[in-house]
């Protein structure tokens, strides 16, 4: 928010508070209504709707922000000077620590992705694949470990969630260290069972499974007219 002043700075702060609240609410309960986000953020439902037309738009914004974080982590890993294995480990660790994968997995299928989101997802996938390719080509990764396995590793780690954020982070770090050791080339003890997930299997999870709250016809939206 450096360089912003007055109303723009305040609006940026409010948007940050709302997105943080939405992240907290929807990771816990993807089906939660907009009113739950407003309560978590400490704002009126009406104020929330003045920024977002409905839950669909808010979910799209959250996903775009998460993909942006993922892209930044991947770009930083690729720009590092520690070598392919360090870049791969830094990338995986950065995605886990930023908690972006937990959110995108929880939101998968709850809204319709936009063209912008498809473009961001393609960019994120390309960067992640490049991090993986460099580590694989350097001989740092065990045979049979594929790029499409990486999202499954993220899901295993980000499934760890306790009430205490510090303890959650500590345990994620513990099991991330175990998983990273397991994908190194010198850790292989034999062929991996089964095959990795296909791109189609990963993409299929984004097919909408329910209609998100969108228009002004919802009771909550009508009631918000009496909010602030």
C-alpha atoms as a PDB file:
ATOM      1  CA  UNK A   1       0.000   0.000   0.000  1.00  0.00           C
ATOM      2  CA  UNK A   2       3.074   2.274  -0.144  1.00  0.00           C
ATOM      3  CA  UNK A   3       2.342   5.341  -2.235  1.00  0.00           C
ATOM      4  CA  UNK A   4      -1.410   5.192  -1.632  1.00  0.00           C
ATOM      5  CA  UNK A   5      -3.114   7.814   0.436  1.00  0.00           C
ATOM      6  CA  UNK A   6      -6.494   8.666   1.856  1.00  0.00           C
ATOM      7  CA  UNK A   7      -9.436   6.648   0.620  1.00  0.00           C
ATOM      8  CA  UNK A   8      -7.378   4.435  -1.688  1.00  0.00           C
ATOM      9  CA  UNK A   9      -5.120   3.323   1.149  1.00  0.00           C
ATOM     10  CA  UNK A  10      -8.113   2.652   3.368  1.00  0.00           C
ATOM     11  CA  UNK A  11      -9.849   0.705   0.589  1.00  0.00           C
ATOM     12  CA  UNK A  12      -6.719  -1.393   0.052  1.00  0.00           C
ATOM     13  CA  UNK A  13      -6.518  -2.152   3.774  1.00  0.00           C
ATOM     14  CA  UNK A  14     -10.192  -3.086   3.875  1.00  0.00           C
ATOM     15  CA  UNK A  15      -9.808  -5.378   0.857  1.00  0.00           C
ATOM     16  CA  UNK A  16      -6.872  -7.071   2.573  1.00  0.00           C
ATOM     17  CA  UNK A  17      -8.911  -7.608   5.732  1.00  0.00           C
ATOM     18  CA  UNK A  18     -11.831  -9.023   3.762  1.00  0.00           C
ATOM     19  CA  UNK A  19      -9.656 -11.393   1.719  1.00  0.00           C
ATOM     20  CA  UNK A  20      -7.844 -12.602   4.833  1.00  0.00           C
ATOM     21  CA  UNK A  21     -11.205 -13.214   6.487  1.00  0.00           C
ATOM     22  CA  UNK A  22     -12.571 -14.987   3.413  1.00  0.00           C
ATOM     23  CA  UNK A  23      -9.486 -17.198   3.275  1.00  0.00           C
ATOM     24  CA  UNK A  24      -9.950 -18.179   6.917  1.00  0.00           C
ATOM     25  CA  UNK A  25     -13.684 -18.828   6.525  1.00  0.00           C
ATOM     26  CA  UNK A  26     -13.594 -20.779   3.262  1.00  0.00           C
ATOM     27  CA  UNK A  27     -10.623 -22.966   4.187  1.00  0.00           C
ATOM     28  CA  UNK A  28     -12.643 -23.979   7.228  1.00  0.00           C
ATOM     29  CA  UNK A  29     -16.045 -24.204   5.484  1.00  0.00           C
ATOM     30  CA  UNK A  30     -16.206 -23.709   1.690  1.00  0.00           C
ATOM     31  CA  UNK A  31     -20.020 -23.634   1.861  1.00  0.00           C
ATOM     32  CA  UNK A  32     -20.066 -20.718   4.316  1.00  0.00           C
ATOM     33  CA  UNK A  33     -22.246 -17.724   3.345  1.00  0.00           C
ATOM     34  CA  UNK A  34     -21.022 -14.186   2.721  1.00  0.00           C
ATOM     35  CA  UNK A  35     -22.322 -13.168   6.146  1.00  0.00           C
ATOM     36  CA  UNK A  36     -19.714 -15.435   7.760  1.00  0.00           C
ATOM     37  CA  UNK A  37     -16.968 -13.568   5.899  1.00  0.00           C
ATOM     38  CA  UNK A  38     -18.413 -10.234   6.991  1.00  0.00           C
ATOM     39  CA  UNK A  39     -18.472 -11.368  10.617  1.00  0.00           C
ATOM     40  CA  UNK A  40     -14.872 -12.648  10.427  1.00  0.00           C
ATOM     41  CA  UNK A  41     -13.749  -9.369   8.831  1.00  0.00           C
ATOM     42  CA  UNK A  42     -15.687  -7.208  11.270  1.00  0.00           C
ATOM     43  CA  UNK A  43     -17.637  -5.404   8.533  1.00  0.00           C
ATOM     44  CA  UNK A  44     -21.285  -5.206   7.617  1.00  0.00           C
ATOM     45  CA  UNK A  45     -22.685  -7.510   4.959  1.00  0.00           C
ATOM     46  CA  UNK A  46     -23.642  -4.456   2.933  1.00  0.00           C
ATOM     47  CA  UNK A  47     -20.036  -3.247   2.938  1.00  0.00           C
ATOM     48  CA  UNK A  48     -18.927  -6.654   1.712  1.00  0.00           C
ATOM     49  CA  UNK A  49     -21.409  -6.597  -1.166  1.00  0.00           C
ATOM     50  CA  UNK A  50     -20.266  -3.134  -2.180  1.00  0.00           C
ATOM     51  CA  UNK A  51     -16.863  -4.669  -2.942  1.00  0.00           C
ATOM     52  CA  UNK A  52     -18.013  -8.026  -4.324  1.00  0.00           C
ATOM     53  CA  UNK A  53     -21.204  -8.670  -6.250  1.00  0.00           C
ATOM     54  CA  UNK A  54     -21.562 -12.086  -4.634  1.00  0.00           C
ATOM     55  CA  UNK A  55     -19.764 -15.135  -3.331  1.00  0.00           C
ATOM     56  CA  UNK A  56     -18.815 -16.249  -6.845  1.00  0.00           C
ATOM     57  CA  UNK A  57     -16.830 -13.068  -7.445  1.00  0.00           C
ATOM     58  CA  UNK A  58     -15.203 -13.234  -4.021  1.00  0.00           C
ATOM     59  CA  UNK A  59     -14.113 -16.839  -4.603  1.00  0.00           C
ATOM     60  CA  UNK A  60     -12.707 -15.909  -8.000  1.00  0.00           C
ATOM     61  CA  UNK A  61     -10.739 -13.059  -6.424  1.00  0.00           C
ATOM     62  CA  UNK A  62      -9.396 -15.331  -3.689  1.00  0.00           C
ATOM     63  CA  UNK A  63      -8.305 -17.909  -6.234  1.00  0.00           C
ATOM     64  CA  UNK A  64      -6.590 -15.275  -8.382  1.00  0.00           C
ATOM     65  CA  UNK A  65      -4.693 -13.990  -5.362  1.00  0.00           C
ATOM     66  CA  UNK A  66      -3.648 -17.526  -4.441  1.00  0.00           C
ATOM     67  CA  UNK A  67      -2.408 -18.227  -7.959  1.00  0.00           C
ATOM     68  CA  UNK A  68      -0.486 -14.965  -7.849  1.00  0.00           C
ATOM     69  CA  UNK A  69       1.275 -16.093  -4.688  1.00  0.00           C
ATOM     70  CA  UNK A  70       2.042 -19.474  -6.232  1.00  0.00           C
ATOM     71  CA  UNK A  71       3.549 -17.783  -9.291  1.00  0.00           C
ATOM     72  CA  UNK A  72       5.695 -15.517  -7.122  1.00  0.00           C
ATOM     73  CA  UNK A  73       7.029 -18.511  -5.169  1.00  0.00           C
ATOM     74  CA  UNK A  74       7.872 -20.398  -8.369  1.00  0.00           C
ATOM     75  CA  UNK A  75       9.564 -17.381  -9.941  1.00  0.00           C
ATOM     76  CA  UNK A  76      11.668 -16.831  -6.822  1.00  0.00           C
ATOM     77  CA  UNK A  77      12.722 -20.493  -6.814  1.00  0.00           C
ATOM     78  CA  UNK A  78      13.744 -20.342 -10.470  1.00  0.00           C
ATOM     79  CA  UNK A  79      15.726 -17.165  -9.858  1.00  0.00           C
ATOM     80  CA  UNK A  80      17.668 -18.701  -6.969  1.00  0.00           C
ATOM     81  CA  UNK A  81      21.329 -19.687  -7.223  1.00  0.00           C
ATOM     82  CA  UNK A  82      21.333 -22.812  -5.055  1.00  0.00           C
ATOM     83  CA  UNK A  83      20.941 -25.356  -7.834  1.00  0.00           C
ATOM     84  CA  UNK A  84      18.005 -27.437  -9.157  1.00  0.00           C
ATOM     85  CA  UNK A  85      17.369 -29.456  -5.986  1.00  0.00           C
ATOM     86  CA  UNK A  86      17.451 -26.371  -3.753  1.00  0.00           C
ATOM     87  CA  UNK A  87      15.117 -24.591  -6.179  1.00  0.00           C
ATOM     88  CA  UNK A  88      12.676 -27.505  -6.080  1.00  0.00           C
ATOM     89  CA  UNK A  89      12.771 -27.743  -2.277  1.00  0.00           C
ATOM     90  CA  UNK A  90      12.395 -23.959  -1.928  1.00  0.00           C
ATOM     91  CA  UNK A  91       9.445 -24.010  -4.321  1.00  0.00           C
ATOM     92  CA  UNK A  92       7.618 -26.776  -2.483  1.00  0.00           C
ATOM     93  CA  UNK A  93       8.386 -25.233   0.889  1.00  0.00           C
ATOM     94  CA  UNK A  94       7.252 -21.790  -0.268  1.00  0.00           C
ATOM     95  CA  UNK A  95       3.920 -23.059  -1.570  1.00  0.00           C
ATOM     96  CA  UNK A  96       3.276 -24.919   1.685  1.00  0.00           C
ATOM     97  CA  UNK A  97       4.282 -22.005   3.907  1.00  0.00           C
ATOM     98  CA  UNK A  98       2.155 -19.510   1.954  1.00  0.00           C
ATOM     99  CA  UNK A  99      -0.804 -21.917   2.300  1.00  0.00           C
ATOM    100  CA  UNK A 100      -2.011 -21.183  -1.211  1.00  0.00           C
ATOM    101  CA  UNK A 101      -2.595 -24.788  -2.234  1.00  0.00           C
ATOM    102  CA  UNK A 102      -4.822 -25.496   0.754  1.00  0.00           C
ATOM    103  CA  UNK A 103      -7.150 -22.717  -0.322  1.00  0.00           C
ATOM    104  CA  UNK A 104      -7.308 -23.613  -4.012  1.00  0.00           C
ATOM    105  CA  UNK A 105      -8.032 -27.259  -3.241  1.00  0.00           C
ATOM    106  CA  UNK A 106     -10.779 -26.329  -0.789  1.00  0.00           C
ATOM    107  CA  UNK A 107     -12.367 -24.017  -3.355  1.00  0.00           C
ATOM    108  CA  UNK A 108     -12.073 -26.387  -6.319  1.00  0.00           C
ATOM    109  CA  UNK A 109     -15.477 -27.023  -7.842  1.00  0.00           C
ATOM    110  CA  UNK A 110     -17.286 -24.357  -5.794  1.00  0.00           C
ATOM    111  CA  UNK A 111     -17.235 -21.648  -8.472  1.00  0.00           C
ATOM    112  CA  UNK A 112     -16.748 -21.165 -12.212  1.00  0.00           C
ATOM    113  CA  UNK A 113     -13.164 -20.190 -13.192  1.00  0.00           C
ATOM    114  CA  UNK A 114     -12.813 -17.106 -15.399  1.00  0.00           C
ATOM    115  CA  UNK A 115     -10.577 -16.664 -18.447  1.00  0.00           C
ATOM    116  CA  UNK A 116      -8.183 -14.705 -16.220  1.00  0.00           C
ATOM    117  CA  UNK A 117      -8.004 -17.596 -13.769  1.00  0.00           C
ATOM    118  CA  UNK A 118      -7.351 -20.079 -16.564  1.00  0.00           C
ATOM    119  CA  UNK A 119      -4.471 -17.887 -17.753  1.00  0.00           C
ATOM    120  CA  UNK A 120      -3.038 -17.586 -14.243  1.00  0.00           C
ATOM    121  CA  UNK A 121      -3.378 -21.329 -13.710  1.00  0.00           C
ATOM    122  CA  UNK A 122      -1.564 -22.017 -16.990  1.00  0.00           C
ATOM    123  CA  UNK A 123       1.256 -19.692 -15.942  1.00  0.00           C
ATOM    124  CA  UNK A 124       1.466 -21.297 -12.503  1.00  0.00           C
ATOM    125  CA  UNK A 125       1.548 -24.784 -14.017  1.00  0.00           C
ATOM    126  CA  UNK A 126       4.246 -23.835 -16.527  1.00  0.00           C
ATOM    127  CA  UNK A 127       6.469 -22.368 -13.815  1.00  0.00           C
ATOM    128  CA  UNK A 128       5.962 -25.309 -11.474  1.00  0.00           C
ATOM    129  CA  UNK A 129       6.734 -27.717 -14.306  1.00  0.00           C
ATOM    130  CA  UNK A 130       9.940 -25.811 -15.085  1.00  0.00           C
ATOM    131  CA  UNK A 131      11.088 -26.063 -11.462  1.00  0.00           C
ATOM    132  CA  UNK A 132      10.364 -29.781 -11.587  1.00  0.00           C
ATOM    133  CA  UNK A 133      12.029 -30.281 -14.979  1.00  0.00           C
ATOM    134  CA  UNK A 134      15.275 -28.674 -13.862  1.00  0.00           C
ATOM    135  CA  UNK A 135      15.461 -30.874 -10.766  1.00  0.00           C
ATOM    136  CA  UNK A 136      14.599 -34.002 -12.764  1.00  0.00           C
ATOM    137  CA  UNK A 137      17.096 -33.252 -15.536  1.00  0.00           C
ATOM    138  CA  UNK A 138      19.798 -32.691 -12.921  1.00  0.00           C
ATOM    139  CA  UNK A 139      19.149 -36.205 -11.593  1.00  0.00           C
ATOM    140  CA  UNK A 140      17.957 -34.891  -8.239  1.00  0.00           C
ATOM    141  CA  UNK A 141      14.535 -36.614  -8.248  1.00  0.00           C
ATOM    142  CA  UNK A 142      13.778 -40.310  -7.892  1.00  0.00           C
ATOM    143  CA  UNK A 143      12.727 -42.239 -11.030  1.00  0.00           C
ATOM    144  CA  UNK A 144       8.980 -42.442 -11.545  1.00  0.00           C
ATOM    145  CA  UNK A 145       8.268 -39.210  -9.655  1.00  0.00           C
ATOM    146  CA  UNK A 146       6.347 -36.927 -12.040  1.00  0.00           C
ATOM    147  CA  UNK A 147       5.289 -33.283 -12.107  1.00  0.00           C
ATOM    148  CA  UNK A 148       1.642 -34.247 -11.600  1.00  0.00           C
ATOM    149  CA  UNK A 149       2.622 -35.924  -8.324  1.00  0.00           C
ATOM    150  CA  UNK A 150       3.609 -32.570  -6.839  1.00  0.00           C
ATOM    151  CA  UNK A 151       0.047 -31.245  -6.293  1.00  0.00           C
ATOM    152  CA  UNK A 152      -0.705 -34.466  -4.391  1.00  0.00           C
ATOM    153  CA  UNK A 153       2.252 -33.772  -2.088  1.00  0.00           C
ATOM    154  CA  UNK A 154       0.883 -30.288  -1.458  1.00  0.00           C
ATOM    155  CA  UNK A 155      -2.496 -31.747  -0.570  1.00  0.00           C
ATOM    156  CA  UNK A 156      -0.998 -34.191   1.907  1.00  0.00           C
ATOM    157  CA  UNK A 157       0.919 -31.463   3.705  1.00  0.00           C
ATOM    158  CA  UNK A 158      -1.777 -28.776   3.690  1.00  0.00           C
ATOM    159  CA  UNK A 159      -4.318 -31.286   5.031  1.00  0.00           C
ATOM    160  CA  UNK A 160      -2.471 -30.832   8.334  1.00  0.00           C
ATOM    161  CA  UNK A 161      -4.415 -28.122  10.122  1.00  0.00           C
ATOM    162  CA  UNK A 162      -4.724 -27.750  13.893  1.00  0.00           C
ATOM    163  CA  UNK A 163      -6.356 -25.020  15.916  1.00  0.00           C
ATOM    164  CA  UNK A 164      -2.957 -23.528  16.732  1.00  0.00           C
ATOM    165  CA  UNK A 165      -1.376 -21.880  13.640  1.00  0.00           C
ATOM    166  CA  UNK A 166       2.145 -22.156  15.065  1.00  0.00           C
ATOM    167  CA  UNK A 167       1.753 -25.869  15.754  1.00  0.00           C
ATOM    168  CA  UNK A 168       0.210 -26.370  12.318  1.00  0.00           C
ATOM    169  CA  UNK A 169       3.228 -24.714  10.696  1.00  0.00           C
ATOM    170  CA  UNK A 170       5.647 -26.768  12.778  1.00  0.00           C
ATOM    171  CA  UNK A 171       4.014 -30.089  11.886  1.00  0.00           C
ATOM    172  CA  UNK A 172       3.791 -29.157   8.221  1.00  0.00           C
ATOM    173  CA  UNK A 173       7.513 -28.432   8.284  1.00  0.00           C
ATOM    174  CA  UNK A 174       8.171 -31.816   9.884  1.00  0.00           C
ATOM    175  CA  UNK A 175       6.230 -33.838   7.319  1.00  0.00           C
ATOM    176  CA  UNK A 176       7.439 -31.709   4.441  1.00  0.00           C
ATOM    177  CA  UNK A 177      11.013 -32.637   5.394  1.00  0.00           C
ATOM    178  CA  UNK A 178      10.036 -36.321   5.341  1.00  0.00           C
ATOM    179  CA  UNK A 179       8.337 -36.016   1.954  1.00  0.00           C
ATOM    180  CA  UNK A 180      11.220 -34.097   0.398  1.00  0.00           C
ATOM    181  CA  UNK A 181      13.635 -36.764   1.559  1.00  0.00           C
ATOM    182  CA  UNK A 182      11.376 -39.363  -0.024  1.00  0.00           C
ATOM    183  CA  UNK A 183      11.457 -37.821  -3.520  1.00  0.00           C
ATOM    184  CA  UNK A 184      15.233 -37.459  -3.749  1.00  0.00           C
ATOM    185  CA  UNK A 185      16.991 -39.723  -6.223  1.00  0.00           C
ATOM    186  CA  UNK A 186      19.208 -41.270  -3.555  1.00  0.00           C
ATOM    187  CA  UNK A 187      16.147 -42.259  -1.503  1.00  0.00           C
ATOM    188  CA  UNK A 188      14.611 -44.558  -4.115  1.00  0.00           C
ATOM    189  CA  UNK A 189      14.285 -48.194  -3.049  1.00  0.00           C
ATOM    190  CA  UNK A 190      12.320 -49.454  -6.035  1.00  0.00           C
ATOM    191  CA  UNK A 191       9.660 -48.561  -8.571  1.00  0.00           C
ATOM    192  CA  UNK A 192       6.737 -46.466  -7.388  1.00  0.00           C
ATOM    193  CA  UNK A 193       3.368 -48.267  -7.393  1.00  0.00           C
ATOM    194  CA  UNK A 194       0.525 -47.117  -9.658  1.00  0.00           C
ATOM    195  CA  UNK A 195       0.816 -44.197 -12.051  1.00  0.00           C
ATOM    196  CA  UNK A 196       0.799 -40.478 -11.272  1.00  0.00           C
ATOM    197  CA  UNK A 197      -2.435 -38.524 -11.715  1.00  0.00           C
ATOM    198  CA  UNK A 198      -3.043 -37.334 -15.251  1.00  0.00           C
ATOM    199  CA  UNK A 199      -3.523 -33.632 -16.046  1.00  0.00           C
ATOM    200  CA  UNK A 200      -7.153 -34.448 -16.848  1.00  0.00           C
ATOM    201  CA  UNK A 201      -7.658 -35.997 -13.410  1.00  0.00           C
ATOM    202  CA  UNK A 202      -6.234 -32.904 -11.741  1.00  0.00           C
ATOM    203  CA  UNK A 203      -8.297 -30.533 -13.885  1.00  0.00           C
ATOM    204  CA  UNK A 204     -11.520 -32.465 -13.338  1.00  0.00           C
ATOM    205  CA  UNK A 205     -11.627 -31.334  -9.725  1.00  0.00           C
ATOM    206  CA  UNK A 206     -12.299 -27.778 -10.901  1.00  0.00           C
ATOM    207  CA  UNK A 207     -15.597 -28.641 -12.517  1.00  0.00           C
ATOM    208  CA  UNK A 208     -18.289 -26.745 -10.579  1.00  0.00           C
ATOM    209  CA  UNK A 209     -20.177 -29.041  -8.220  1.00  0.00           C
ATOM    210  CA  UNK A 210     -22.636 -26.469  -6.918  1.00  0.00           C
ATOM    211  CA  UNK A 211     -24.037 -23.105  -7.887  1.00  0.00           C
ATOM    212  CA  UNK A 212     -22.324 -20.368  -5.942  1.00  0.00           C
ATOM    213  CA  UNK A 213     -24.295 -17.464  -4.510  1.00  0.00           C
ATOM    214  CA  UNK A 214     -24.192 -14.746  -7.138  1.00  0.00           C
ATOM    215  CA  UNK A 215     -27.039 -12.345  -7.763  1.00  0.00           C
ATOM    216  CA  UNK A 216     -29.153  -9.929  -5.733  1.00  0.00           C
ATOM    217  CA  UNK A 217     -31.988 -12.440  -5.488  1.00  0.00           C
ATOM    218  CA  UNK A 218     -30.454 -14.170  -2.467  1.00  0.00           C
ATOM    219  CA  UNK A 219     -32.119 -13.469   0.859  1.00  0.00           C
ATOM    220  CA  UNK A 220     -28.764 -12.536   2.353  1.00  0.00           C
ATOM    221  CA  UNK A 221     -28.182  -9.929  -0.360  1.00  0.00           C
ATOM    222  CA  UNK A 222     -31.636  -8.442   0.182  1.00  0.00           C
ATOM    223  CA  UNK A 223     -31.111  -8.333   3.924  1.00  0.00           C
ATOM    224  CA  UNK A 224     -27.756  -6.647   3.457  1.00  0.00           C
ATOM    225  CA  UNK A 225     -29.528  -3.541   2.224  1.00  0.00           C
ATOM    226  CA  UNK A 226     -30.216  -2.853   5.872  1.00  0.00           C
ATOM    227  CA  UNK A 227     -26.511  -3.324   6.737  1.00  0.00           C
ATOM    228  CA  UNK A 228     -23.690  -0.824   6.495  1.00  0.00           C
END
